[in-house]
């Protein structure tokens, strides 16, 4: 699967102290973006417009959805910001 990043995700990753770790976990999504497994904590989110999922990477959260064999990374944020 191809991974597509929103421009705000690219901007967040430029300033992120754990950039390599977050990028590594995003890359693991290509294998199976739906199921939690060792080292990858995935949860389906409720109340979103698409079937959105959340990937937990330490203190960072990655929100994404899967459409037409592509993984669209919609948002990445620090845990303290919460879900909007």
C-alpha atoms as a PDB file:
ATOM      1  CA  UNK A   1       0.000   0.000   0.000  1.00  0.00           C
ATOM      2  CA  UNK A   2       1.084   3.532  -0.714  1.00  0.00           C
ATOM      3  CA  UNK A   3       1.266   5.978   2.186  1.00  0.00           C
ATOM      4  CA  UNK A   4       0.101   9.551   1.544  1.00  0.00           C
ATOM      5  CA  UNK A   5       0.966  12.362   4.005  1.00  0.00           C
ATOM      6  CA  UNK A   6      -1.071  15.521   4.535  1.00  0.00           C
ATOM      7  CA  UNK A   7       1.104  18.700   4.397  1.00  0.00           C
ATOM      8  CA  UNK A   8       0.459  19.410   8.111  1.00  0.00           C
ATOM      9  CA  UNK A   9       1.871  15.938   8.907  1.00  0.00           C
ATOM     10  CA  UNK A  10       5.066  16.744   7.005  1.00  0.00           C
ATOM     11  CA  UNK A  11       5.365  20.023   8.907  1.00  0.00           C
ATOM     12  CA  UNK A  12       4.822  18.293  12.264  1.00  0.00           C
ATOM     13  CA  UNK A  13       7.478  15.681  11.468  1.00  0.00           C
ATOM     14  CA  UNK A  14      10.040  18.378  10.583  1.00  0.00           C
ATOM     15  CA  UNK A  15       9.924  19.661  14.174  1.00  0.00           C
ATOM     16  CA  UNK A  16       9.366  16.325  15.924  1.00  0.00           C
ATOM     17  CA  UNK A  17      12.136  15.143  18.260  1.00  0.00           C
ATOM     18  CA  UNK A  18      11.215  11.469  17.665  1.00  0.00           C
ATOM     19  CA  UNK A  19      10.858  11.855  13.902  1.00  0.00           C
ATOM     20  CA  UNK A  20      12.603   8.587  12.972  1.00  0.00           C
ATOM     21  CA  UNK A  21      10.502   6.526  15.385  1.00  0.00           C
ATOM     22  CA  UNK A  22       7.216   8.000  14.118  1.00  0.00           C
ATOM     23  CA  UNK A  23       8.211   7.510  10.471  1.00  0.00           C
ATOM     24  CA  UNK A  24       9.224   3.897  11.160  1.00  0.00           C
ATOM     25  CA  UNK A  25       5.810   3.124  12.686  1.00  0.00           C
ATOM     26  CA  UNK A  26       3.979   4.854   9.836  1.00  0.00           C
ATOM     27  CA  UNK A  27       5.942   2.647   7.428  1.00  0.00           C
ATOM     28  CA  UNK A  28       4.776  -0.481   9.269  1.00  0.00           C
ATOM     29  CA  UNK A  29       1.174   0.405   8.424  1.00  0.00           C
ATOM     30  CA  UNK A  30       1.686  -0.704   4.817  1.00  0.00           C
ATOM     31  CA  UNK A  31       1.739  -4.352   5.941  1.00  0.00           C
ATOM     32  CA  UNK A  32      -1.574  -4.283   7.843  1.00  0.00           C
ATOM     33  CA  UNK A  33      -3.210  -0.938   8.676  1.00  0.00           C
ATOM     34  CA  UNK A  34      -6.136  -2.448  10.613  1.00  0.00           C
ATOM     35  CA  UNK A  35      -4.826  -4.760  13.333  1.00  0.00           C
ATOM     36  CA  UNK A  36      -2.775  -4.214  16.467  1.00  0.00           C
ATOM     37  CA  UNK A  37       0.402  -6.305  16.642  1.00  0.00           C
ATOM     38  CA  UNK A  38       3.725  -6.296  18.460  1.00  0.00           C
ATOM     39  CA  UNK A  39       5.090  -2.755  18.498  1.00  0.00           C
ATOM     40  CA  UNK A  40       2.071  -1.276  16.714  1.00  0.00           C
ATOM     41  CA  UNK A  41      -0.992  -0.110  18.691  1.00  0.00           C
ATOM     42  CA  UNK A  42      -3.953   0.594  16.386  1.00  0.00           C
ATOM     43  CA  UNK A  43      -7.479   1.564  17.385  1.00  0.00           C
ATOM     44  CA  UNK A  44     -10.534   2.384  15.261  1.00  0.00           C
ATOM     45  CA  UNK A  45     -11.924   5.824  16.130  1.00  0.00           C
ATOM     46  CA  UNK A  46     -15.621   6.523  16.574  1.00  0.00           C
ATOM     47  CA  UNK A  47     -17.553   9.512  15.271  1.00  0.00           C
ATOM     48  CA  UNK A  48     -15.272  10.472  12.386  1.00  0.00           C
ATOM     49  CA  UNK A  49     -16.336  11.082   8.770  1.00  0.00           C
ATOM     50  CA  UNK A  50     -14.273   8.171   7.391  1.00  0.00           C
ATOM     51  CA  UNK A  51     -13.345   4.912   9.036  1.00  0.00           C
ATOM     52  CA  UNK A  52     -10.495   6.601  10.898  1.00  0.00           C
ATOM     53  CA  UNK A  53      -7.828   4.756  12.838  1.00  0.00           C
ATOM     54  CA  UNK A  54      -5.340   5.879  15.469  1.00  0.00           C
ATOM     55  CA  UNK A  55      -1.763   4.664  15.647  1.00  0.00           C
ATOM     56  CA  UNK A  56      -0.013   5.233  18.964  1.00  0.00           C
ATOM     57  CA  UNK A  57       3.731   5.939  18.831  1.00  0.00           C
ATOM     58  CA  UNK A  58       4.932   6.751  22.342  1.00  0.00           C
ATOM     59  CA  UNK A  59       3.542  10.213  23.150  1.00  0.00           C
ATOM     60  CA  UNK A  60       2.477  10.835  19.537  1.00  0.00           C
ATOM     61  CA  UNK A  61      -0.784   9.911  17.837  1.00  0.00           C
ATOM     62  CA  UNK A  62      -1.261   9.346  14.117  1.00  0.00           C
ATOM     63  CA  UNK A  63      -4.788   9.516  12.652  1.00  0.00           C
ATOM     64  CA  UNK A  64      -5.291   7.872   9.269  1.00  0.00           C
ATOM     65  CA  UNK A  65      -7.811   6.220   6.976  1.00  0.00           C
ATOM     66  CA  UNK A  66      -7.514   3.667   4.180  1.00  0.00           C
ATOM     67  CA  UNK A  67      -9.067   4.354   0.783  1.00  0.00           C
ATOM     68  CA  UNK A  68      -8.456   2.860  -2.663  1.00  0.00           C
ATOM     69  CA  UNK A  69      -5.407   0.847  -1.568  1.00  0.00           C
ATOM     70  CA  UNK A  70      -3.758   3.975  -0.099  1.00  0.00           C
ATOM     71  CA  UNK A  71      -3.169   4.924   3.517  1.00  0.00           C
ATOM     72  CA  UNK A  72      -3.940   8.617   4.039  1.00  0.00           C
ATOM     73  CA  UNK A  73      -2.152  10.035   7.097  1.00  0.00           C
ATOM     74  CA  UNK A  74      -4.548  12.826   8.075  1.00  0.00           C
ATOM     75  CA  UNK A  75      -3.006  14.131  11.298  1.00  0.00           C
ATOM     76  CA  UNK A  76      -0.131  13.595  13.726  1.00  0.00           C
ATOM     77  CA  UNK A  77      -0.123  15.237  17.135  1.00  0.00           C
ATOM     78  CA  UNK A  78       1.304  15.086  20.624  1.00  0.00           C
ATOM     79  CA  UNK A  79      -0.871  13.112  23.032  1.00  0.00           C
ATOM     80  CA  UNK A  80      -1.605  16.130  25.239  1.00  0.00           C
ATOM     81  CA  UNK A  81      -3.367  17.970  22.414  1.00  0.00           C
ATOM     82  CA  UNK A  82      -6.173  15.432  22.399  1.00  0.00           C
ATOM     83  CA  UNK A  83      -8.593  14.498  19.659  1.00  0.00           C
ATOM     84  CA  UNK A  84     -10.463  17.276  17.879  1.00  0.00           C
END
